[in-house]
Amino acid sequence: MNPYVTNQYVGHGFLDVNMTNDGRSLFAMFYTIDGSVRDQFRIHKSRQ
């Protein structure tokens, strides 16, 4: 069993990247040409 799954999207779109929480959180969404959300992810860095 693979520890991850990968797919390739054949098409065009754009990646909207937003930084929040004083640069500690990154949120990104990939939109296709028709405006639908194809993928999204969030990365959060905790304070240490």
N, C-alpha and C. Protein backbone atom coordinates (compact mmCIF):
# COMPACT_ATOMS: atom_id res chain seq x y z
N MET A 1 0.84 -1.18 0.00
CA MET A 1 0.00 0.00 0.00
C MET A 1 0.89 1.25 0.00
N ASN A 2 0.59 2.18 -0.88
CA ASN A 2 1.34 3.44 -0.94
C ASN A 2 0.88 4.38 0.16
N PRO A 3 1.80 5.16 0.74
CA PRO A 3 1.42 6.10 1.79
C PRO A 3 0.77 7.37 1.26
N TYR A 4 0.63 7.50 -0.04
CA TYR A 4 0.03 8.70 -0.62
C TYR A 4 -0.67 8.34 -1.93
N VAL A 5 -1.52 9.23 -2.37
CA VAL A 5 -2.21 9.08 -3.65
C VAL A 5 -1.87 10.29 -4.50
N THR A 6 -1.60 10.08 -5.76
CA THR A 6 -1.28 11.20 -6.64
C THR A 6 -2.16 11.16 -7.87
N ASN A 7 -2.58 12.31 -8.30
CA ASN A 7 -3.36 12.48 -9.52
C ASN A 7 -2.80 13.66 -10.27
N GLN A 8 -2.88 13.63 -11.56
CA GLN A 8 -2.44 14.75 -12.37
C GLN A 8 -3.66 15.38 -13.02
N TYR A 9 -3.79 16.71 -12.86
CA TYR A 9 -4.90 17.44 -13.46
C TYR A 9 -4.44 17.95 -14.81
N VAL A 10 -5.17 17.61 -15.85
CA VAL A 10 -4.84 18.08 -17.19
C VAL A 10 -5.81 19.21 -17.51
N GLY A 11 -5.31 20.41 -17.50
CA GLY A 11 -6.14 21.58 -17.74
C GLY A 11 -5.45 22.82 -17.25
N HIS A 12 -6.19 23.91 -17.21
CA HIS A 12 -5.62 25.19 -16.79
C HIS A 12 -6.44 25.75 -15.64
N GLY A 13 -5.82 26.62 -14.88
CA GLY A 13 -6.50 27.27 -13.77
C GLY A 13 -5.53 28.19 -13.06
N PHE A 14 -5.85 28.52 -11.83
CA PHE A 14 -4.94 29.36 -11.06
C PHE A 14 -4.95 28.97 -9.60
N LEU A 15 -3.84 29.26 -8.93
CA LEU A 15 -3.66 28.94 -7.52
C LEU A 15 -3.75 30.24 -6.72
N ASP A 16 -4.71 30.31 -5.81
CA ASP A 16 -4.91 31.46 -4.94
C ASP A 16 -4.28 31.14 -3.59
N VAL A 17 -3.23 31.88 -3.20
CA VAL A 17 -2.49 31.62 -1.96
C VAL A 17 -2.71 32.79 -1.01
N ASN A 18 -3.10 32.48 0.22
CA ASN A 18 -3.33 33.51 1.24
C ASN A 18 -2.51 33.19 2.49
N MET A 19 -1.87 34.22 3.04
CA MET A 19 -1.13 34.11 4.29
C MET A 19 -1.93 34.84 5.37
N THR A 20 -2.10 34.20 6.53
CA THR A 20 -2.83 34.81 7.64
C THR A 20 -2.07 34.56 8.93
N ASN A 21 -2.62 35.04 10.04
CA ASN A 21 -2.04 34.83 11.38
C ASN A 21 -0.57 35.26 11.44
N ASP A 22 -0.31 36.48 10.98
CA ASP A 22 1.05 37.02 10.99
C ASP A 22 2.04 36.13 10.25
N GLY A 23 1.59 35.52 9.15
CA GLY A 23 2.46 34.67 8.34
C GLY A 23 2.61 33.25 8.83
N ARG A 24 1.87 32.86 9.85
CA ARG A 24 1.99 31.49 10.37
C ARG A 24 1.08 30.50 9.68
N SER A 25 0.08 30.97 8.92
CA SER A 25 -0.84 30.07 8.22
C SER A 25 -0.84 30.39 6.73
N LEU A 26 -0.78 29.35 5.93
CA LEU A 26 -0.87 29.47 4.48
C LEU A 26 -2.07 28.65 4.04
N PHE A 27 -2.95 29.26 3.26
CA PHE A 27 -4.12 28.56 2.73
C PHE A 27 -4.13 28.76 1.23
N ALA A 28 -4.25 27.68 0.47
CA ALA A 28 -4.22 27.77 -0.99
C ALA A 28 -5.38 26.99 -1.58
N MET A 29 -5.96 27.54 -2.66
CA MET A 29 -7.03 26.87 -3.40
C MET A 29 -6.69 26.94 -4.88
N PHE A 30 -6.87 25.81 -5.58
CA PHE A 30 -6.66 25.77 -7.03
C PHE A 30 -8.02 25.80 -7.71
N TYR A 31 -8.22 26.82 -8.56
CA TYR A 31 -9.46 26.99 -9.30
C TYR A 31 -9.24 26.62 -10.77
N THR A 32 -10.19 25.90 -11.35
CA THR A 32 -10.14 25.61 -12.78
C THR A 32 -10.66 26.82 -13.54
N ILE A 33 -10.56 26.78 -14.85
CA ILE A 33 -11.00 27.89 -15.69
C ILE A 33 -12.48 28.21 -15.49
N ASP A 34 -13.31 27.20 -15.21
CA ASP A 34 -14.74 27.45 -15.02
C ASP A 34 -15.07 27.94 -13.61
N GLY A 35 -14.05 28.11 -12.75
CA GLY A 35 -14.25 28.66 -11.41
C GLY A 35 -14.48 27.64 -10.32
N SER A 36 -14.51 26.37 -10.66
CA SER A 36 -14.71 25.36 -9.62
C SER A 36 -13.39 25.10 -8.88
N VAL A 37 -13.50 24.72 -7.62
CA VAL A 37 -12.32 24.43 -6.80
C VAL A 37 -11.89 23.00 -7.08
N ARG A 38 -10.67 22.84 -7.56
CA ARG A 38 -10.14 21.52 -7.88
C ARG A 38 -9.39 20.90 -6.70
N ASP A 39 -8.71 21.76 -5.90
CA ASP A 39 -7.93 21.27 -4.77
C ASP A 39 -7.71 22.42 -3.80
N GLN A 40 -7.43 22.09 -2.55
CA GLN A 40 -7.10 23.11 -1.56
C GLN A 40 -6.27 22.48 -0.45
N PHE A 41 -5.49 23.32 0.23
CA PHE A 41 -4.71 22.84 1.37
C PHE A 41 -4.40 23.99 2.31
N ARG A 42 -4.07 23.64 3.55
CA ARG A 42 -3.72 24.61 4.57
C ARG A 42 -2.48 24.10 5.31
N ILE A 43 -1.57 25.02 5.58
CA ILE A 43 -0.38 24.72 6.39
C ILE A 43 -0.36 25.72 7.53
N HIS A 44 -0.21 25.23 8.75
CA HIS A 44 -0.18 26.11 9.91
C HIS A 44 1.07 25.81 10.73
N LYS A 45 1.83 26.85 11.04
CA LYS A 45 3.01 26.72 11.88
C LYS A 45 2.66 27.18 13.28
N SER A 46 2.84 26.31 14.25
CA SER A 46 2.56 26.67 15.64
C SER A 46 3.75 27.45 16.21
N ARG A 47 3.46 28.23 17.23
CA ARG A 47 4.54 28.99 17.90
C ARG A 47 5.35 28.04 18.75
N GLN A 48 6.63 28.30 18.84
CA GLN A 48 7.50 27.48 19.69
C GLN A 48 8.31 28.34 20.61
